[in-house]
C-alpha atoms as a PDB file:
ATOM      1  CA  MET A   1       1.091 -11.451  16.929  1.00  0.00           C
ATOM      2  CA  ARG A   2       4.150  -9.713  15.442  1.00  0.00           C
ATOM      3  CA  LYS A   3       4.447  -5.991  16.217  1.00  0.00           C
ATOM      4  CA  ILE A   4       5.756  -3.592  13.597  1.00  0.00           C
ATOM      5  CA  VAL A   5       5.918   0.182  13.621  1.00  0.00           C
ATOM      6  CA  PHE A   6       4.734   2.300  10.715  1.00  0.00           C
ATOM      7  CA  ALA A   7       6.898   5.439  10.758  1.00  0.00           C
ATOM      8  CA  SER A   8       3.910   7.732  10.355  1.00  0.00           C
ATOM      9  CA  SER A   9       1.842  10.038  12.515  1.00  0.00           C
ATOM     10  CA  ASN A  10      -0.958  10.066   9.933  1.00  0.00           C
ATOM     11  CA  GLU A  11      -3.694   8.049  11.647  1.00  0.00           C
ATOM     12  CA  HIS A  12      -5.607   7.649   8.361  1.00  0.00           C
ATOM     13  CA  LYS A  13      -2.618   5.979   6.696  1.00  0.00           C
ATOM     14  CA  VAL A  14      -1.978   3.815   9.773  1.00  0.00           C
ATOM     15  CA  ALA A  15      -5.616   2.664   9.892  1.00  0.00           C
ATOM     16  CA  GLU A  16      -5.526   1.841   6.179  1.00  0.00           C
ATOM     17  CA  VAL A  17      -2.441  -0.366   6.607  1.00  0.00           C
ATOM     18  CA  ARG A  18      -3.957  -2.060   9.683  1.00  0.00           C
ATOM     19  CA  THR A  19      -7.010  -2.990   7.606  1.00  0.00           C
ATOM     20  CA  ILE A  20      -4.896  -4.372   4.767  1.00  0.00           C
ATOM     21  CA  LEU A  21      -2.687  -6.469   7.068  1.00  0.00           C
ATOM     22  CA  GLY A  22      -5.528  -7.874   9.140  1.00  0.00           C
ATOM     23  CA  ASP A  23      -4.791  -9.651  12.409  1.00  0.00           C
ATOM     24  CA  GLN A  24      -1.441 -11.203  11.446  1.00  0.00           C
ATOM     25  CA  PHE A  25       0.396  -8.059  12.583  1.00  0.00           C
ATOM     26  CA  GLU A  26      -0.076  -5.396  15.204  1.00  0.00           C
ATOM     27  CA  VAL A  27       0.743  -2.131  13.420  1.00  0.00           C
ATOM     28  CA  LEU A  28       1.862   0.665  15.737  1.00  0.00           C
ATOM     29  CA  SER A  29       2.086   4.334  14.809  1.00  0.00           C
ATOM     30  CA  LEU A  30       4.858   6.701  15.913  1.00  0.00           C
ATOM     31  CA  LYS A  31       2.450   8.043  18.531  1.00  0.00           C
ATOM     32  CA  ASP A  32       1.849   4.509  19.845  1.00  0.00           C
ATOM     33  CA  ILE A  33       5.573   4.119  20.620  1.00  0.00           C
ATOM     34  CA  ASN A  34       5.798   7.669  22.004  1.00  0.00           C
ATOM     35  CA  CYS A  35       8.004   8.892  19.143  1.00  0.00           C
ATOM     36  CA  LEU A  36       7.027  12.550  19.150  1.00  0.00           C
ATOM     37  CA  GLU A  37      10.109  14.010  17.459  1.00  0.00           C
ATOM     38  CA  ASP A  38      10.375  14.636  13.723  1.00  0.00           C
ATOM     39  CA  VAL A  39      11.842  11.556  12.075  1.00  0.00           C
ATOM     40  CA  PRO A  40      14.665  12.772   9.797  1.00  0.00           C
ATOM     41  CA  GLU A  41      14.269  12.891   6.001  1.00  0.00           C
ATOM     42  CA  THR A  42      17.543  14.341   4.765  1.00  0.00           C
ATOM     43  CA  GLN A  43      18.447  12.015   1.892  1.00  0.00           C
ATOM     44  CA  GLU A  44      18.637  12.922  -1.802  1.00  0.00           C
ATOM     45  CA  THR A  45      16.251  10.201  -3.039  1.00  0.00           C
ATOM     46  CA  ILE A  46      12.778   8.887  -2.237  1.00  0.00           C
ATOM     47  CA  GLU A  47      14.328   5.493  -1.422  1.00  0.00           C
ATOM     48  CA  GLY A  48      16.911   7.127   0.807  1.00  0.00           C
ATOM     49  CA  ASN A  49      14.294   8.982   2.835  1.00  0.00           C
ATOM     50  CA  ALA A  50      12.155   5.864   3.336  1.00  0.00           C
ATOM     51  CA  ILE A  51      15.209   3.853   4.436  1.00  0.00           C
ATOM     52  CA  GLN A  52      16.410   6.638   6.745  1.00  0.00           C
ATOM     53  CA  LYS A  53      13.035   6.847   8.520  1.00  0.00           C
ATOM     54  CA  ALA A  54      12.747   3.074   9.002  1.00  0.00           C
ATOM     55  CA  LYS A  55      16.335   2.760  10.280  1.00  0.00           C
ATOM     56  CA  TYR A  56      15.863   5.721  12.637  1.00  0.00           C
ATOM     57  CA  VAL A  57      12.910   4.108  14.398  1.00  0.00           C
ATOM     58  CA  THR A  58      14.633   0.716  14.665  1.00  0.00           C
ATOM     59  CA  ALA A  59      17.850   2.300  15.994  1.00  0.00           C
ATOM     60  CA  ASN A  60      16.113   4.557  18.527  1.00  0.00           C
ATOM     61  CA  TYR A  61      13.148   2.398  19.600  1.00  0.00           C
ATOM     62  CA  GLY A  62      14.427  -1.149  19.019  1.00  0.00           C
ATOM     63  CA  MET A  63      11.458  -2.260  16.910  1.00  0.00           C
ATOM     64  CA  ASP A  64      10.940  -3.552  13.390  1.00  0.00           C
ATOM     65  CA  CYS A  65       9.669  -0.643  11.332  1.00  0.00           C
ATOM     66  CA  PHE A  66       8.498   0.293   7.868  1.00  0.00           C
ATOM     67  CA  ALA A  67       8.369   3.763   6.382  1.00  0.00           C
ATOM     68  CA  ASP A  68       7.207   5.198   3.098  1.00  0.00           C
ATOM     69  CA  ASP A  69       8.049   8.200   0.993  1.00  0.00           C
ATOM     70  CA  THR A  70       6.308   9.443  -2.139  1.00  0.00           C
ATOM     71  CA  GLY A  71       7.235  12.045  -4.703  1.00  0.00           C
ATOM     72  CA  LEU A  72       6.020  13.440  -8.003  1.00  0.00           C
ATOM     73  CA  GLU A  73       8.713  13.207 -10.673  1.00  0.00           C
ATOM     74  CA  ILE A  74       8.255  15.321 -13.818  1.00  0.00           C
ATOM     75  CA  GLU A  75      10.330  14.450 -16.878  1.00  0.00           C
ATOM     76  CA  ALA A  76      10.708  18.000 -18.261  1.00  0.00           C
ATOM     77  CA  LEU A  77      11.789  19.253 -14.816  1.00  0.00           C
ATOM     78  CA  ASP A  78      14.590  16.680 -14.478  1.00  0.00           C
ATOM     79  CA  GLY A  79      12.591  14.686 -11.927  1.00  0.00           C
ATOM     80  CA  ARG A  80      11.513  17.639  -9.772  1.00  0.00           C
ATOM     81  CA  PRO A  81       9.782  18.137  -7.431  1.00  0.00           C
ATOM     82  CA  GLY A  82      10.745  14.583  -6.296  1.00  0.00           C
ATOM     83  CA  ILE A  83      11.813  14.549  -2.650  1.00  0.00           C
ATOM     84  CA  TYR A  84      10.670  18.170  -2.327  1.00  0.00           C
ATOM     85  CA  SER A  85       7.092  17.407  -3.457  1.00  0.00           C
ATOM     86  CA  ALA A  86       5.410  18.332  -0.158  1.00  0.00           C
ATOM     87  CA  ARG A  87       7.131  21.717   0.135  1.00  0.00           C
ATOM     88  CA  TYR A  88       7.894  22.587  -3.490  1.00  0.00           C
ATOM     89  CA  GLY A  89       5.938  25.849  -3.376  1.00  0.00           C
ATOM     90  CA  GLY A  90       7.260  26.845   0.061  1.00  0.00           C
ATOM     91  CA  PRO A  91       7.812  25.582   3.618  1.00  0.00           C
ATOM     92  CA  GLU A  92       4.107  25.786   4.519  1.00  0.00           C
ATOM     93  CA  ARG A  93       3.346  22.689   2.371  1.00  0.00           C
ATOM     94  CA  SER A  94       0.482  24.318   0.462  1.00  0.00           C
ATOM     95  CA  ALA A  95      -1.002  22.055  -2.244  1.00  0.00           C
ATOM     96  CA  ALA A  96      -2.175  25.105  -4.212  1.00  0.00           C
ATOM     97  CA  LYS A  97       1.295  26.733  -4.134  1.00  0.00           C
ATOM     98  CA  ASN A  98       2.952  23.434  -5.065  1.00  0.00           C
ATOM     99  CA  MET A  99       0.640  22.956  -8.061  1.00  0.00           C
ATOM    100  CA  ASN A 100       1.029  26.586  -9.155  1.00  0.00           C
ATOM    101  CA  LYS A 101       4.821  26.323  -9.123  1.00  0.00           C
ATOM    102  CA  VAL A 102       4.743  23.124 -11.213  1.00  0.00           C
ATOM    103  CA  LEU A 103       2.286  24.626 -13.719  1.00  0.00           C
ATOM    104  CA  SER A 104       4.365  27.799 -13.967  1.00  0.00           C
ATOM    105  CA  GLU A 105       7.574  25.834 -14.618  1.00  0.00           C
ATOM    106  CA  LEU A 106       5.846  23.707 -17.289  1.00  0.00           C
ATOM    107  CA  ASN A 107       4.252  26.727 -19.007  1.00  0.00           C
ATOM    108  CA  GLY A 108       4.930  26.490 -22.747  1.00  0.00           C
ATOM    109  CA  LEU A 109       6.469  23.007 -22.544  1.00  0.00           C
ATOM    110  CA  ASN A 110       4.934  20.155 -24.538  1.00  0.00           C
ATOM    111  CA  ASN A 111       6.487  17.314 -22.540  1.00  0.00           C
ATOM    112  CA  ARG A 112       4.190  16.883 -19.557  1.00  0.00           C
ATOM    113  CA  ASN A 113       5.125  13.277 -18.706  1.00  0.00           C
ATOM    114  CA  ALA A 114       5.208  12.612 -14.988  1.00  0.00           C
ATOM    115  CA  ARG A 115       4.989   9.819 -12.462  1.00  0.00           C
ATOM    116  CA  PHE A 116       4.246   9.319  -8.807  1.00  0.00           C
ATOM    117  CA  LYS A 117       6.780   7.081  -7.081  1.00  0.00           C
ATOM    118  CA  THR A 118       6.362   5.497  -3.651  1.00  0.00           C
ATOM    119  CA  VAL A 119       9.007   3.490  -1.828  1.00  0.00           C
ATOM    120  CA  ILE A 120       8.376   1.484   1.330  1.00  0.00           C
ATOM    121  CA  ALA A 121      11.456   0.523   3.357  1.00  0.00           C
ATOM    122  CA  PHE A 122      11.208  -2.268   5.940  1.00  0.00           C
ATOM    123  CA  SER A 123      13.814  -2.457   8.698  1.00  0.00           C
ATOM    124  CA  PHE A 124      13.479  -6.019   9.947  1.00  0.00           C
ATOM    125  CA  GLN A 125      15.839  -8.159  12.051  1.00  0.00           C
ATOM    126  CA  GLY A 126      18.909  -6.178  11.001  1.00  0.00           C
ATOM    127  CA  THR A 127      18.093  -6.015   7.285  1.00  0.00           C
ATOM    128  CA  ILE A 128      16.443  -3.463   4.999  1.00  0.00           C
ATOM    129  CA  LYS A 129      14.061  -4.478   2.225  1.00  0.00           C
ATOM    130  CA  THR A 130      12.405  -1.988  -0.143  1.00  0.00           C
ATOM    131  CA  PHE A 131       9.258  -2.113  -2.261  1.00  0.00           C
ATOM    132  CA  SER A 132       8.358   0.465  -4.875  1.00  0.00           C
ATOM    133  CA  GLY A 133       5.305   1.455  -6.850  1.00  0.00           C
ATOM    134  CA  ILE A 134       4.992   3.808  -9.815  1.00  0.00           C
ATOM    135  CA  THR A 135       1.995   5.428 -11.477  1.00  0.00           C
ATOM    136  CA  LYS A 136       2.755   7.056 -14.823  1.00  0.00           C
ATOM    137  CA  GLY A 137       0.739   9.915 -16.235  1.00  0.00           C
ATOM    138  CA  ALA A 138       0.837  13.529 -17.354  1.00  0.00           C
ATOM    139  CA  ILE A 139       0.510  16.981 -15.835  1.00  0.00           C
ATOM    140  CA  LEU A 140      -2.615  18.826 -17.002  1.00  0.00           C
ATOM    141  CA  LEU A 141      -2.633  22.484 -18.072  1.00  0.00           C
ATOM    142  CA  ALA A 142      -4.752  23.452 -15.043  1.00  0.00           C
ATOM    143  CA  PRO A 143      -6.231  21.761 -11.942  1.00  0.00           C
ATOM    144  CA  VAL A 144      -9.327  19.622 -12.539  1.00  0.00           C
ATOM    145  CA  GLY A 145     -11.423  18.427  -9.586  1.00  0.00           C
ATOM    146  CA  ASN A 146     -11.210  18.888  -5.847  1.00  0.00           C
ATOM    147  CA  GLY A 147     -10.728  15.278  -4.758  1.00  0.00           C
ATOM    148  CA  GLY A 148      -7.623  13.669  -3.358  1.00  0.00           C
ATOM    149  CA  PHE A 149      -4.771  15.788  -2.039  1.00  0.00           C
ATOM    150  CA  GLY A 150      -1.469  17.295  -3.086  1.00  0.00           C
ATOM    151  CA  TYR A 151      -0.958  17.264  -6.835  1.00  0.00           C
ATOM    152  CA  ASP A 152      -4.000  15.067  -7.600  1.00  0.00           C
ATOM    153  CA  PRO A 153      -5.995  17.761  -9.492  1.00  0.00           C
ATOM    154  CA  ILE A 154      -3.187  18.298 -12.036  1.00  0.00           C
ATOM    155  CA  PHE A 155      -2.148  14.642 -12.478  1.00  0.00           C
ATOM    156  CA  GLN A 156      -3.882  12.496 -15.105  1.00  0.00           C
ATOM    157  CA  PRO A 157      -2.880   8.840 -14.727  1.00  0.00           C
ATOM    158  CA  GLU A 158      -2.069   6.821 -17.833  1.00  0.00           C
ATOM    159  CA  GLY A 159      -5.111   5.066 -19.282  1.00  0.00           C
ATOM    160  CA  HIS A 160      -7.611   7.490 -17.756  1.00  0.00           C
ATOM    161  CA  VAL A 161      -9.252  10.664 -19.061  1.00  0.00           C
ATOM    162  CA  GLN A 162      -9.758  12.234 -15.627  1.00  0.00           C
ATOM    163  CA  SER A 163      -7.335  13.645 -13.081  1.00  0.00           C
ATOM    164  CA  PHE A 164      -6.726  12.033  -9.694  1.00  0.00           C
ATOM    165  CA  GLY A 165      -8.751  15.011  -8.406  1.00  0.00           C
ATOM    166  CA  VAL A 166     -11.849  13.619 -10.162  1.00  0.00           C
ATOM    167  CA  LEU A 167     -11.317   9.851 -10.267  1.00  0.00           C
ATOM    168  CA  ASP A 168     -13.292   7.688  -7.851  1.00  0.00           C
ATOM    169  CA  GLU A 169     -11.305   6.800  -4.706  1.00  0.00           C
ATOM    170  CA  THR A 170     -11.686   3.069  -5.408  1.00  0.00           C
ATOM    171  CA  ILE A 171     -10.067   3.438  -8.831  1.00  0.00           C
ATOM    172  CA  LYS A 172      -7.403   5.783  -7.506  1.00  0.00           C
ATOM    173  CA  ASN A 173      -6.519   3.456  -4.639  1.00  0.00           C
ATOM    174  CA  SER A 174      -6.126   0.537  -7.045  1.00  0.00           C
ATOM    175  CA  ILE A 175      -3.656   2.332  -9.353  1.00  0.00           C
ATOM    176  CA  SER A 176      -1.794   4.707  -7.026  1.00  0.00           C
ATOM    177  CA  SER A 177       1.938   4.278  -6.521  1.00  0.00           C
ATOM    178  CA  ARG A 178       1.327   3.845  -2.779  1.00  0.00           C
ATOM    179  CA  ALA A 179      -1.218   1.053  -3.371  1.00  0.00           C
ATOM    180  CA  ARG A 180       1.229  -0.744  -5.666  1.00  0.00           C
ATOM    181  CA  ALA A 181       4.084  -0.516  -3.149  1.00  0.00           C
ATOM    182  CA  VAL A 182       1.825  -1.545  -0.240  1.00  0.00           C
ATOM    183  CA  GLU A 183       0.595  -4.598  -2.174  1.00  0.00           C
ATOM    184  CA  GLN A 184       4.176  -5.850  -2.662  1.00  0.00           C
ATOM    185  CA  PHE A 185       5.019  -5.156   0.978  1.00  0.00           C
ATOM    186  CA  VAL A 186       1.909  -6.934   2.275  1.00  0.00           C
ATOM    187  CA  ASN A 187       2.591  -9.997   0.112  1.00  0.00           C
ATOM    188  CA  TYR A 188       6.126 -10.103   1.526  1.00  0.00           C
ATOM    189  CA  LEU A 189       4.896  -9.795   5.117  1.00  0.00           C
ATOM    190  CA  LYS A 190       2.243 -12.472   4.720  1.00  0.00           C
ATOM    191  CA  ALA A 191       4.867 -14.887   3.406  1.00  0.00           C
ATOM    192  CA  LEU A 192       7.075 -14.459   6.474  1.00  0.00           C
ATOM    193  CA  PRO A 193       7.113 -17.370   8.938  1.00  0.00           C
ATOM    194  CA  VAL A 194       5.089 -16.666  12.057  1.00  0.00           C
END
């Protein structure tokens, strides 16, 4: 069974990927390989951060690795918060502060077009391959719902009348940018020779 590292300490995300990949791969978390330091994310793009994390683990631990990065990109804010999505409202990574800052900056603006973008970078046998997923939508005037996390209560995905904070998890997981990127990545992995 091929071993690959997921550059994440989030056990929920690691478990989700393990389920999707089944028994063809042994997916290890950063904790599993004793990587306890913060993996750097100092690039200027979502792609750059995903690539940097995957390369870091391969270079320092000698294992094939994939990493993901996700950001909310708002048209009227020139793509912000983007790579700063998690800490847009301050270093404490507060979802409420992040949403409040976005809503404040959009106050009075009619263009509320936005998208979530996820990139997965796979560092494998000396090469890097990337997979991306996008979910288009709009920023609401105020938070609606308590479900999900991050910006979900203020993001209404295209083709739906409810925010990600209200939508059923099954629906959300089928249209999220992360789900779309993971699907491409999994199809690529399953096509690799054993």
